[in-house]
Amino acid sequence: MPSVTVNGEGQISLRGSNGFMVLVNGKPILTDAATILSQLPANTIQNIELITAPSAKYDPDGKGGIINIITTKGSTDGFALYANAMGGFPSTDDYDNLETPKRFGTDVTANYKNEKIDFSLTANYQRNDNNGNREGDVYTKDFKANTITRFPSNGERSFDKHNYSIKTALLYSANKNNAFNFGFYLGKKFQARRADLVYNNSTSDLTTDAVLSQFTYFNSNVQTKEGKFTLANFDYTHSFANESTLTTSALYEHANLYGNTINLNMDYPAKETVFQEVKNPYTNPISGFRLKLDYAVAIADGKLESGYQYRNDKQDGTFGYTINPEPVPLVDNSQFRGTAKTNNHINAVYSQYSGKSEKLDYVAGLRYEYAQRKVILSTDINPHLLNFSNLFPSANLLYTFNDAWNAKVGYSKRVQRNNNSELNPIPEREHSETLEQGDPDLLPQFVDLAELGINHTFKKGTFFTTLYYQNIKNPVQRVNSVYNYTILNRVYTNAERARLFGLELRTNLNPKNGWLCTLEPTFTITKSMVTWMFWERYPPSITRIGCIL
């Protein structure tokens, strides 16, 4: 879809934002889309739904909307076995990287199905390294001393990435009125990001640009991130005589996240003397539990759906900091280490009605949510508390003019909750020239999504276009401040408001039997209103053209 883009590092964006909600078979997950997709074999994915203006029955999380990954079920009775293997070609450029990237993987799926049981078991392994180059150009100014300090950098930026997982699903239909669904997922993901950079630091007179001092050094920066992921869900659906349904769902997810960032500063070009070694080890386990109760009943020519959900998410981070050798005289580094614990309690109720009247399909609903957030820091005596009560309305209309043309209009109110990185005020030495920290009092982002689209079907293809708008309250941005002459401090903070306008077009053509050609131009304009400045950004448009036989 033109709304979805994937960059060279595998990060997925929906309408220019990585803030979207990920569902697997309609069930939310805490981990990101790239992690889940990398651990799902392609042949187990039946379809991927893109929901850009979600209705009230969905969680309001994610300012960009929802991506729902639907996995396959057994299509015929009996036993089936599927296996896949993949391999990557050598890189076109090696960038003088330390290692040659490896890209290969395999997966296997077993499925058994009969009249009442549909059982599947999947295992996979994937290695997908990326190699590349990084260039940086940063400077700070000291107006009192009338100097400018530049610290440009250049060197390797590459990734070693591998993951493996096992997944099982069981659907059991006891009779026509009672159905059970059980799923279990266990996986591990590892990523090591290497940034071996040469820094050419210099301080010059701000008026004459005469060089006052110069220093060149080599920085080896290795950041490792690992996680063990566990996901379990259980659903029970009862169908009544009047064809109404009652569904009870329970979902538990746990992610044991841990890693380290190591900055090693050495002389250059010999790389024999270590000036400084800084380590930022951390553990950050995340756990989440959801309990849902949904009821659906046919009323008149439509369907009324109502439900309640309780949700609890916990993060428990411990962050370390060591420096070797210790600076002389000794410096108090206690601000760089500590614990940050976050707990979210959310209660929500919703109701929505959907139906069809001649050429008009419609769905409208309202969701109410009461949320409590507590952030407990080892560096603060008092916890940071945030309670908010919000309504999340939604409405979608689809009008069919004839067999060839239809139009749609949609609105949905969403929320982008703050993650632990944004809330954690303990600075991390992300790079030699960068510290990064959050704000425990950061506000969530509230988003109004609106879109208008037209779809056309003709003899040898289809065409659609969508105009969309997002009004974002409390957008989260990273602001740079000067920590010292050669180190920037990146802090997450709320701006006042942001607005985003976008236009998507897509044409699918079938010039001959077996051929599918696609043209996807996408245009986006973003405007952000910040209390201390006005900022405009016009990212380049994206156009994709391709044909498949």
Protein backbone atom coordinates (compact mmCIF):
# COMPACT_ATOMS: atom_id res chain seq x y z
CA MET A 1 0.00 0.00 0.00
CA PRO A 2 1.25 3.55 -0.63
CA SER A 3 0.63 4.30 3.07
CA VAL A 4 3.23 1.76 4.19
CA THR A 5 6.99 2.15 3.75
CA VAL A 6 9.96 0.10 4.99
CA ASN A 7 13.40 1.68 5.32
CA GLY A 8 16.80 0.01 4.86
CA GLU A 9 16.89 -1.06 8.51
CA GLY A 10 13.53 -2.84 8.30
CA GLN A 11 11.54 -0.23 10.27
CA ILE A 12 7.93 0.04 9.13
CA SER A 13 6.08 3.37 8.85
CA LEU A 14 2.37 3.95 8.30
CA ARG A 15 1.63 7.34 6.73
CA GLY A 16 5.05 8.59 7.78
CA SER A 17 4.78 7.46 11.42
CA ASN A 18 5.98 4.39 13.30
CA GLY A 19 3.22 5.04 15.86
CA PHE A 20 0.61 2.49 14.84
CA MET A 21 -1.04 -0.48 16.48
CA VAL A 22 -0.21 -4.06 15.46
CA LEU A 23 -2.76 -6.88 15.69
CA VAL A 24 -2.27 -10.57 15.00
CA ASN A 25 -5.62 -12.15 14.14
CA GLY A 26 -7.34 -9.15 15.72
CA LYS A 27 -5.37 -9.37 18.98
CA PRO A 28 -3.04 -6.54 20.06
CA ILE A 29 0.65 -7.06 20.79
CA LEU A 30 3.21 -4.93 22.63
CA THR A 31 6.12 -5.61 20.28
CA ASP A 32 6.64 -3.79 16.99
CA ALA A 33 5.48 -4.90 13.54
CA ALA A 34 9.00 -5.54 12.22
CA THR A 35 9.73 -8.00 15.05
CA ILE A 36 6.50 -9.95 14.56
CA LEU A 37 6.72 -10.04 10.75
CA SER A 38 10.33 -11.22 10.86
CA GLN A 39 9.22 -14.17 13.00
CA LEU A 40 6.18 -15.17 10.94
CA PRO A 41 6.87 -17.37 7.88
CA ALA A 42 5.36 -15.89 4.73
CA ASN A 43 3.20 -18.94 4.02
CA THR A 44 1.48 -18.62 7.42
CA ILE A 45 0.22 -15.11 6.58
CA GLN A 46 -3.11 -15.14 4.78
CA ASN A 47 -3.72 -11.41 4.60
CA ILE A 48 -2.66 -8.06 6.08
CA GLU A 49 -5.40 -5.52 6.77
CA LEU A 50 -4.64 -1.81 6.84
CA ILE A 51 -7.19 0.04 9.01
CA THR A 52 -6.53 3.76 8.71
CA ALA A 53 -9.68 4.99 10.53
CA PRO A 54 -10.44 2.25 13.10
CA SER A 55 -13.86 1.87 14.71
CA ALA A 56 -14.63 2.16 18.41
CA LYS A 57 -14.33 -1.56 19.15
CA TYR A 58 -10.56 -1.42 18.59
CA ASP A 59 -8.07 -0.09 21.11
CA PRO A 60 -7.45 3.60 20.32
CA ASP A 61 -3.65 3.12 20.45
CA GLY A 62 -1.52 4.28 17.53
CA LYS A 63 -1.75 7.66 15.82
CA GLY A 64 -1.26 6.11 12.38
CA GLY A 65 -4.01 3.48 12.63
CA ILE A 66 -3.89 -0.33 12.74
CA ILE A 67 -2.11 -3.09 10.84
CA ASN A 68 -3.87 -6.43 11.38
CA ILE A 69 -1.88 -9.55 10.40
CA ILE A 70 -4.19 -12.49 9.65
CA THR A 71 -2.60 -15.92 9.68
CA THR A 72 -3.79 -18.93 7.70
CA LYS A 73 -6.00 -21.73 8.99
CA GLY A 74 -6.18 -25.25 7.67
CA SER A 75 -8.19 -25.22 4.44
CA THR A 76 -8.81 -28.94 4.03
CA ASP A 77 -9.20 -31.88 6.40
CA GLY A 78 -6.15 -33.98 7.10
CA PHE A 79 -2.45 -33.33 7.73
CA ALA A 80 -0.29 -30.85 5.82
CA LEU A 81 3.39 -29.90 6.05
CA TYR A 82 4.97 -26.72 4.60
CA ALA A 83 8.64 -25.75 4.49
CA ASN A 84 10.50 -22.72 3.13
CA ALA A 85 14.12 -21.69 2.75
CA MET A 86 15.57 -18.28 1.89
CA GLY A 87 18.97 -16.82 1.12
CA GLY A 88 20.36 -13.38 0.33
CA PHE A 89 22.78 -12.35 -2.40
CA PRO A 90 26.11 -10.71 -1.42
CA SER A 91 26.02 -6.95 -0.81
CA THR A 92 26.67 -4.68 -3.77
CA ASP A 93 28.89 -2.47 -1.52
CA ASP A 94 30.87 -3.54 1.54
CA TYR A 95 31.68 -0.01 2.83
CA ASP A 96 34.88 -1.50 4.32
CA ASN A 97 32.72 -2.99 7.08
CA LEU A 98 34.27 -5.20 9.72
CA GLU A 99 32.06 -8.20 8.87
CA THR A 100 30.32 -9.57 5.78
CA PRO A 101 26.53 -9.59 6.29
CA LYS A 102 24.74 -12.94 6.39
CA ARG A 103 21.19 -13.40 5.12
CA PHE A 104 19.40 -16.74 5.23
CA GLY A 105 16.48 -18.44 6.93
CA THR A 106 14.15 -21.40 7.07
CA ASP A 107 10.73 -22.25 8.49
CA VAL A 108 8.44 -25.25 8.79
CA THR A 109 4.68 -25.43 9.45
CA ALA A 110 2.59 -28.50 10.32
CA ASN A 111 -1.21 -28.37 10.25
CA TYR A 112 -3.95 -30.84 11.13
CA LYS A 113 -7.65 -30.21 10.58
CA ASN A 114 -10.88 -32.14 10.95
CA GLU A 115 -14.51 -31.25 11.58
CA LYS A 116 -13.89 -29.84 15.08
CA ILE A 117 -10.16 -29.22 15.39
CA ASP A 118 -7.77 -26.97 13.48
CA PHE A 119 -4.25 -27.24 14.92
CA SER A 120 -1.01 -25.76 13.58
CA LEU A 121 2.60 -25.64 14.73
CA THR A 122 5.25 -23.36 13.18
CA ALA A 123 8.99 -22.93 13.79
CA ASN A 124 11.37 -20.54 12.03
CA TYR A 125 14.88 -19.07 12.04
CA GLN A 126 16.04 -15.98 10.18
CA ARG A 127 19.37 -14.14 9.85
CA ASN A 128 19.17 -10.77 8.10
CA ASP A 129 22.25 -8.55 8.53
CA ASN A 130 22.62 -5.06 7.00
CA ASN A 131 25.82 -3.20 6.26
CA GLY A 132 26.24 0.49 5.60
CA ASN A 133 27.97 3.80 6.21
CA ARG A 134 27.19 6.77 8.48
CA GLU A 135 28.16 10.42 8.07
CA GLY A 136 27.54 13.07 10.72
CA ASP A 137 28.15 16.81 10.89
CA VAL A 138 27.46 18.56 14.20
CA TYR A 139 28.66 21.80 15.80
CA THR A 140 28.14 23.82 18.97
CA LYS A 141 28.74 27.54 19.55
CA ASP A 142 30.01 29.30 22.69
CA PHE A 143 29.07 32.96 22.28
CA LYS A 144 30.81 33.99 25.51
CA ALA A 145 34.12 32.52 24.35
CA ASN A 146 33.33 33.46 20.72
CA THR A 147 34.17 29.91 19.52
CA ILE A 148 32.57 27.22 17.37
CA THR A 149 33.32 23.52 17.95
CA ARG A 150 32.77 21.13 15.07
CA PHE A 151 32.77 17.32 15.45
CA PRO A 152 32.01 15.69 12.07
CA SER A 153 32.18 11.90 11.87
CA ASN A 154 32.32 9.20 9.20
CA GLY A 155 32.50 5.42 9.29
CA GLU A 156 30.65 2.11 9.48
CA ARG A 157 27.04 1.68 10.56
CA SER A 158 25.90 -1.93 10.25
CA PHE A 159 23.53 -4.40 11.88
CA ASP A 160 23.75 -8.08 12.82
CA LYS A 161 20.20 -9.40 13.25
CA HIS A 162 18.82 -12.86 13.84
CA ASN A 163 15.69 -14.30 15.40
CA TYR A 164 13.87 -17.57 15.89
CA SER A 165 10.45 -18.52 17.17
CA ILE A 166 7.87 -21.25 17.64
CA LYS A 167 4.12 -20.68 17.34
CA THR A 168 1.08 -22.88 17.87
CA ALA A 169 -2.65 -22.30 17.42
CA LEU A 170 -5.66 -24.46 18.25
CA LEU A 171 -9.25 -23.81 17.17
CA TYR A 172 -11.83 -26.15 18.70
CA SER A 173 -15.51 -26.07 17.76
CA ALA A 174 -17.30 -28.09 20.44
CA ASN A 175 -20.66 -27.56 18.72
CA LYS A 176 -22.45 -24.90 16.69
CA ASN A 177 -22.86 -22.72 19.80
CA ASN A 178 -19.44 -22.96 21.47
CA ALA A 179 -15.99 -22.33 20.02
CA PHE A 180 -12.57 -22.10 21.67
CA ASN A 181 -9.36 -20.53 20.37
CA PHE A 182 -5.94 -20.93 21.98
CA GLY A 183 -2.63 -19.52 20.78
CA PHE A 184 0.94 -19.55 22.08
CA TYR A 185 4.02 -17.84 20.73
CA LEU A 186 7.63 -18.00 21.92
CA GLY A 187 10.48 -16.17 20.21
CA LYS A 188 13.87 -14.56 20.61
CA LYS A 189 15.38 -11.63 18.73
CA PHE A 190 18.97 -10.34 18.73
CA GLN A 191 20.35 -7.17 17.16
CA ALA A 192 23.83 -5.67 17.31
CA ARG A 193 24.32 -2.22 15.82
CA ARG A 194 27.93 -1.25 15.09
CA ALA A 195 28.95 2.38 14.48
CA ASP A 196 32.77 2.56 14.10
CA LEU A 197 33.37 6.24 13.42
CA VAL A 198 36.30 8.60 13.01
CA TYR A 199 35.69 12.01 14.65
CA ASN A 200 37.57 15.12 13.48
CA ASN A 201 36.97 17.58 16.30
CA SER A 202 38.08 21.19 15.96
CA THR A 203 37.50 24.48 17.79
CA SER A 204 37.69 27.73 15.81
CA ASP A 205 37.28 31.43 16.42
CA LEU A 206 33.66 32.32 15.65
CA THR A 207 34.61 35.59 13.95
CA THR A 208 37.72 34.69 11.95
CA ASP A 209 37.20 30.89 11.71
CA ALA A 210 40.87 30.45 12.70
CA VAL A 211 41.49 26.95 14.10
CA LEU A 212 42.34 27.11 17.82
CA SER A 213 42.59 23.36 18.52
CA GLN A 214 42.07 20.07 16.67
CA PHE A 215 41.74 16.46 17.76
CA THR A 216 41.04 13.28 15.76
CA TYR A 217 40.00 10.02 17.43
CA PHE A 218 38.31 6.70 16.68
CA ASN A 219 35.06 5.65 18.38
CA SER A 220 33.86 2.06 18.31
CA ASN A 221 30.18 2.06 19.26
CA VAL A 222 28.40 -1.30 19.61
CA GLN A 223 24.80 -1.42 20.81
CA THR A 224 23.21 -4.82 21.49
CA LYS A 225 19.50 -5.42 21.99
CA GLU A 226 18.04 -8.81 22.86
CA GLY A 227 14.59 -9.98 23.75
CA LYS A 228 12.71 -13.14 24.62
CA PHE A 229 9.03 -12.83 23.74
CA THR A 230 6.10 -14.87 25.08
CA LEU A 231 2.50 -14.42 23.99
CA ALA A 232 -0.53 -16.50 25.01
CA ASN A 233 -4.21 -15.92 24.25
CA PHE A 234 -7.46 -17.74 24.99
CA ASP A 235 -10.87 -16.92 23.46
CA TYR A 236 -14.29 -18.43 24.08
CA THR A 237 -17.29 -17.55 21.89
CA HIS A 238 -20.88 -18.57 22.65
CA SER A 239 -23.62 -18.19 20.04
CA PHE A 240 -27.19 -17.75 21.29
CA ALA A 241 -30.42 -18.83 19.65
CA ASN A 242 -31.11 -15.29 18.40
CA GLU A 243 -27.71 -15.40 16.59
CA SER A 244 -26.12 -12.96 19.02
CA THR A 245 -22.62 -13.80 20.28
CA LEU A 246 -20.72 -13.34 23.53
CA THR A 247 -16.90 -13.52 23.39
CA THR A 248 -14.51 -13.62 26.32
CA SER A 249 -10.84 -13.04 25.56
CA ALA A 250 -7.72 -13.13 27.69
CA LEU A 251 -4.25 -12.21 26.45
CA TYR A 252 -0.88 -12.26 28.24
CA GLU A 253 2.40 -11.00 26.82
CA HIS A 254 5.89 -10.83 28.29
CA ALA A 255 9.07 -9.47 26.74
CA ASN A 256 12.36 -9.88 28.58
CA LEU A 257 14.43 -7.08 27.03
CA TYR A 258 18.08 -6.46 27.81
CA GLY A 259 21.18 -5.05 26.14
CA ASN A 260 24.22 -2.82 26.35
CA THR A 261 25.80 0.15 24.57
CA ILE A 262 29.61 0.28 24.59
CA ASN A 263 31.51 3.39 23.50
CA LEU A 264 35.26 2.88 23.10
CA ASN A 265 37.33 6.00 22.28
CA MET A 266 40.82 5.35 20.90
CA ASP A 267 43.67 7.12 19.14
CA TYR A 268 43.62 7.23 15.35
CA PRO A 269 44.87 5.81 13.04
CA ALA A 270 46.92 3.44 15.24
CA LYS A 271 43.94 2.41 17.46
CA GLU A 272 46.34 1.29 20.18
CA THR A 273 45.54 3.63 23.09
CA VAL A 274 42.16 3.59 24.85
CA PHE A 275 41.19 7.07 26.02
CA GLN A 276 37.83 6.11 27.51
CA GLU A 277 35.38 3.20 27.65
CA VAL A 278 31.74 3.85 28.59
CA LYS A 279 29.17 1.07 29.09
CA ASN A 280 25.36 1.42 29.42
CA PRO A 281 23.97 -2.05 30.30
CA TYR A 282 20.23 -2.35 30.92
CA THR A 283 17.38 -4.76 31.57
CA ASN A 284 13.82 -3.71 30.77
CA PRO A 285 11.24 -6.51 31.07
CA ILE A 286 7.75 -5.68 29.83
CA SER A 287 4.56 -7.55 30.68
CA GLY A 288 0.98 -6.95 29.66
CA PHE A 289 -2.42 -8.47 30.42
CA ARG A 290 -5.79 -7.83 28.77
CA LEU A 291 -9.25 -9.15 29.54
CA LYS A 292 -12.12 -8.44 27.12
CA LEU A 293 -15.83 -9.12 27.04
CA ASP A 294 -17.66 -8.44 23.73
CA TYR A 295 -21.34 -8.85 22.86
CA ALA A 296 -22.81 -8.57 19.35
CA VAL A 297 -26.50 -8.73 18.39
CA ALA A 298 -28.46 -8.04 15.21
CA ILE A 299 -30.85 -5.11 15.47
CA ALA A 300 -33.05 -4.09 12.56
CA ASP A 301 -30.84 -4.21 9.45
CA GLY A 302 -27.57 -3.74 11.33
CA LYS A 303 -25.43 -5.04 14.16
CA LEU A 304 -24.87 -3.59 17.62
CA GLU A 305 -21.56 -4.38 19.29
CA SER A 306 -20.64 -3.48 22.87
CA GLY A 307 -17.87 -4.48 25.22
CA TYR A 308 -15.55 -3.88 28.14
CA GLN A 309 -11.77 -4.22 28.39
CA TYR A 310 -9.32 -4.12 31.28
CA ARG A 311 -5.66 -3.65 30.44
CA ASN A 312 -2.51 -3.59 32.55
CA ASP A 313 1.00 -2.93 31.18
CA LYS A 314 4.18 -2.92 33.26
CA GLN A 315 7.78 -2.00 32.47
CA ASP A 316 10.61 -2.45 34.97
CA GLY A 317 13.86 -0.92 33.74
CA THR A 318 17.28 -1.04 35.40
CA PHE A 319 19.97 1.07 33.74
CA GLY A 320 23.69 0.99 34.49
CA TYR A 321 26.65 3.22 33.68
CA THR A 322 30.38 2.58 34.01
CA ILE A 323 33.34 4.60 32.77
CA ASN A 324 36.92 3.39 32.53
CA PRO A 325 39.27 4.92 33.41
CA GLU A 326 37.49 7.11 35.95
CA PRO A 327 38.02 10.83 35.28
CA VAL A 328 40.43 12.75 37.47
CA PRO A 329 39.23 14.47 39.57
CA LEU A 330 36.32 12.08 40.19
CA VAL A 331 32.93 13.08 38.81
CA ASP A 332 29.54 12.12 40.27
CA ASN A 333 27.93 9.89 37.61
CA SER A 334 24.96 8.72 39.70
CA GLN A 335 22.54 10.59 37.38
CA PHE A 336 23.44 8.12 34.59
CA ARG A 337 22.26 5.00 36.45
CA GLY A 338 19.13 3.90 38.29
CA THR A 339 15.71 2.29 37.85
CA ALA A 340 12.57 3.41 36.01
CA LYS A 341 9.30 1.55 36.49
CA THR A 342 6.12 2.30 34.56
CA ASN A 343 2.64 0.92 35.24
CA ASN A 344 -0.50 1.55 33.14
CA HIS A 345 -4.04 0.62 34.19
CA ILE A 346 -6.74 1.14 31.56
CA ASN A 347 -10.49 0.50 31.78
CA ALA A 348 -12.55 0.95 28.62
CA VAL A 349 -16.14 0.44 27.43
CA TYR A 350 -17.44 0.85 23.89
CA SER A 351 -20.54 0.56 21.76
CA GLN A 352 -20.94 0.79 18.00
CA TYR A 353 -23.62 0.16 15.40
CA SER A 354 -23.04 -0.92 11.80
CA GLY A 355 -25.47 -1.46 8.98
CA LYS A 356 -26.40 -0.89 5.35
CA SER A 357 -29.13 1.22 3.79
CA GLU A 358 -29.49 0.72 0.04
CA LYS A 359 -26.17 2.07 -1.34
CA LEU A 360 -24.74 3.28 2.00
CA ASP A 361 -22.66 1.16 4.38
CA TYR A 362 -22.05 2.78 7.75
CA VAL A 363 -20.54 2.19 11.19
CA ALA A 364 -20.43 4.63 14.10
CA GLY A 365 -19.39 4.19 17.68
CA LEU A 366 -18.06 5.67 20.89
CA ARG A 367 -15.38 4.40 23.27
CA TYR A 368 -14.77 5.69 26.80
CA GLU A 369 -11.46 5.13 28.52
CA TYR A 370 -10.13 5.86 32.00
CA ALA A 371 -6.35 5.44 32.22
CA GLN A 372 -3.84 5.70 35.08
CA ARG A 373 -0.09 5.90 34.62
CA LYS A 374 2.56 5.75 37.34
CA VAL A 375 6.30 6.23 36.78
CA ILE A 376 8.55 5.40 39.74
CA LEU A 377 12.19 6.50 39.56
CA SER A 378 15.09 5.70 41.85
CA THR A 379 16.20 9.31 41.42
CA ASP A 380 12.89 10.83 42.67
CA ILE A 381 11.17 10.49 46.02
CA ASN A 382 7.63 10.95 44.68
CA PRO A 383 6.14 8.96 41.79
CA HIS A 384 5.05 10.72 38.60
CA LEU A 385 1.29 10.23 38.22
CA LEU A 386 -1.00 10.86 35.26
CA ASN A 387 -4.74 10.14 35.14
CA PHE A 388 -6.93 10.95 32.18
CA SER A 389 -10.49 10.28 31.09
CA ASN A 390 -11.29 10.43 27.36
CA LEU A 391 -13.94 9.74 24.75
CA PHE A 392 -12.90 8.21 21.42
CA PRO A 393 -15.64 8.60 18.77
CA SER A 394 -15.43 7.05 15.31
CA ALA A 395 -17.53 6.93 12.13
CA ASN A 396 -17.08 5.41 8.66
CA LEU A 397 -19.31 5.72 5.60
CA LEU A 398 -19.04 3.93 2.24
CA TYR A 399 -21.37 5.00 -0.58
CA THR A 400 -21.59 2.85 -3.72
CA PHE A 401 -22.59 4.81 -6.82
CA ASN A 402 -22.53 1.78 -9.14
CA ASP A 403 -20.46 -1.34 -9.86
CA ALA A 404 -17.50 0.81 -10.90
CA TRP A 405 -17.42 3.69 -8.40
CA ASN A 406 -17.69 4.13 -4.63
CA ALA A 407 -16.58 6.76 -2.11
CA LYS A 408 -15.65 6.56 1.55
CA VAL A 409 -15.29 9.01 4.43
CA GLY A 410 -13.98 8.19 7.90
CA TYR A 411 -13.10 9.72 11.25
CA SER A 412 -11.40 8.21 14.31
CA LYS A 413 -9.90 9.66 17.47
CA ARG A 414 -6.68 7.92 18.59
CA VAL A 415 -4.02 8.07 21.31
CA GLN A 416 -0.28 7.43 21.05
CA ARG A 417 0.88 6.41 24.53
CA ASN A 418 4.40 7.17 25.71
CA ASN A 419 6.84 4.27 25.74
CA ASN A 420 9.48 3.64 28.41
CA SER A 421 12.28 5.26 26.38
CA GLU A 422 10.31 8.51 26.19
CA LEU A 423 9.52 8.42 29.94
CA ASN A 424 12.95 7.37 31.22
CA PRO A 425 14.96 10.43 32.36
CA ILE A 426 18.19 8.46 32.94
CA PRO A 427 20.61 9.57 30.17
CA GLU A 428 22.07 6.92 27.85
CA ARG A 429 25.31 7.44 25.92
CA GLU A 430 23.80 6.59 22.55
CA HIS A 431 26.93 7.64 20.61
CA SER A 432 30.18 9.36 21.44
CA GLU A 433 28.55 12.72 20.68
CA THR A 434 25.00 11.94 21.88
CA LEU A 435 23.19 11.51 25.19
CA GLU A 436 19.49 10.58 25.08
CA GLN A 437 16.90 10.84 27.87
CA GLY A 438 13.15 11.05 28.39
CA ASP A 439 10.70 12.94 30.56
CA PRO A 440 8.56 11.08 33.16
CA ASP A 441 5.86 13.79 32.91
CA LEU A 442 5.50 13.50 29.14
CA LEU A 443 1.91 13.63 27.90
CA PRO A 444 0.40 11.11 25.47
CA GLN A 445 -0.43 12.27 21.95
CA PHE A 446 -4.12 12.58 21.03
CA VAL A 447 -4.91 12.39 17.34
CA ASP A 448 -7.92 13.19 15.17
CA LEU A 449 -7.81 11.12 11.96
CA ALA A 450 -10.02 12.02 9.00
CA GLU A 451 -9.95 10.69 5.43
CA LEU A 452 -11.88 10.94 2.17
CA GLY A 453 -11.39 8.38 -0.60
CA ILE A 454 -12.68 7.33 -4.04
CA ASN A 455 -12.38 3.81 -5.51
CA HIS A 456 -12.86 2.88 -9.16
CA THR A 457 -12.91 -0.53 -10.81
CA PHE A 458 -12.52 -0.79 -14.58
CA LYS A 459 -12.08 -3.58 -17.10
CA LYS A 460 -8.34 -4.17 -16.69
CA GLY A 461 -7.59 -2.84 -13.23
CA THR A 462 -8.47 -0.73 -10.23
CA PHE A 463 -7.76 2.80 -9.02
CA PHE A 464 -8.13 4.49 -5.66
CA THR A 465 -7.16 7.81 -4.12
CA THR A 466 -7.36 8.92 -0.48
CA LEU A 467 -6.95 12.37 1.02
CA TYR A 468 -6.21 12.22 4.76
CA TYR A 469 -5.66 14.65 7.63
CA GLN A 470 -4.22 14.21 11.14
CA ASN A 471 -4.52 16.77 13.93
CA ILE A 472 -2.08 15.80 16.72
CA LYS A 473 -2.18 17.29 20.22
CA ASN A 474 1.00 17.04 22.35
CA PRO A 475 3.25 15.64 19.59
CA VAL A 476 6.47 14.16 21.00
CA GLN A 477 9.69 15.56 19.57
CA ARG A 478 13.38 15.22 20.39
CA VAL A 479 15.06 18.52 21.25
CA ASN A 480 18.85 18.90 21.30
CA SER A 481 20.59 20.81 24.06
CA VAL A 482 24.34 21.23 24.62
CA TYR A 483 25.73 18.93 27.32
CA ASN A 484 29.30 20.06 26.67
CA TYR A 485 31.34 21.26 23.69
CA THR A 486 31.30 17.88 21.90
CA ILE A 487 28.23 16.12 23.35
CA LEU A 488 24.57 16.84 22.58
CA ASN A 489 21.74 15.90 24.95
CA ARG A 490 18.59 14.70 23.17
CA VAL A 491 15.48 15.10 25.33
CA TYR A 492 11.95 13.94 24.50
CA THR A 493 9.43 16.74 24.99
CA ASN A 494 5.87 17.66 24.02
CA ALA A 495 5.18 20.27 21.39
CA GLU A 496 1.83 22.04 21.26
CA ARG A 497 0.28 20.69 18.06
CA ALA A 498 1.08 19.08 14.72
CA ARG A 499 -0.92 18.75 11.52
CA LEU A 500 -0.38 16.32 8.70
CA PHE A 501 -1.96 16.29 5.24
CA GLY A 502 -1.49 13.44 2.79
CA LEU A 503 -2.65 12.23 -0.61
CA GLU A 504 -2.39 8.59 -1.72
CA LEU A 505 -3.01 7.22 -5.21
CA ARG A 506 -2.75 3.68 -6.48
CA THR A 507 -3.47 2.05 -9.82
CA ASN A 508 -3.36 -1.69 -10.50
CA LEU A 509 -3.34 -2.71 -14.16
CA ASN A 510 -3.78 -6.15 -15.71
CA PRO A 511 -2.55 -5.63 -19.30
CA LYS A 512 -2.32 -9.38 -19.96
CA ASN A 513 -3.37 -12.55 -18.21
CA GLY A 514 -0.97 -13.22 -15.33
CA TRP A 515 0.51 -9.71 -15.23
CA LEU A 516 -0.12 -7.15 -12.46
CA CYS A 517 1.38 -3.65 -12.74
CA THR A 518 1.20 -1.07 -9.96
CA LEU A 519 1.79 2.68 -9.77
CA GLU A 520 1.83 4.28 -6.28
CA PRO A 521 2.62 8.00 -5.90
CA THR A 522 2.30 9.36 -2.34
CA PHE A 523 2.55 12.97 -1.18
CA THR A 524 2.72 14.20 2.42
CA ILE A 525 2.93 17.66 4.00
CA THR A 526 3.61 17.98 7.73
CA LYS A 527 3.24 21.13 9.83
CA SER A 528 4.03 21.30 13.55
CA MET A 529 3.10 24.13 15.89
CA VAL A 530 5.59 24.39 18.77
CA THR A 531 5.27 26.88 21.64
CA TRP A 532 8.67 28.45 20.94
CA MET A 533 8.92 28.14 17.18
CA PHE A 534 7.07 27.36 13.94
CA TRP A 535 8.42 24.38 12.10
CA GLU A 536 7.55 23.06 8.64
CA ARG A 537 8.77 19.87 7.03
CA TYR A 538 8.10 18.72 3.46
CA PRO A 539 9.42 15.19 3.05
CA PRO A 540 9.93 13.92 -0.49
CA SER A 541 7.06 12.18 -2.19
CA ILE A 542 7.25 8.42 -2.67
CA THR A 543 6.48 6.72 -5.96
CA ARG A 544 6.64 2.97 -6.52
CA ILE A 545 6.25 1.31 -9.94
CA GLY A 546 6.38 -2.42 -10.49
CA CYS A 547 5.04 -5.38 -12.46
CA ILE A 548 4.53 -8.97 -11.32
CA LEU A 549 4.02 -12.04 -13.43
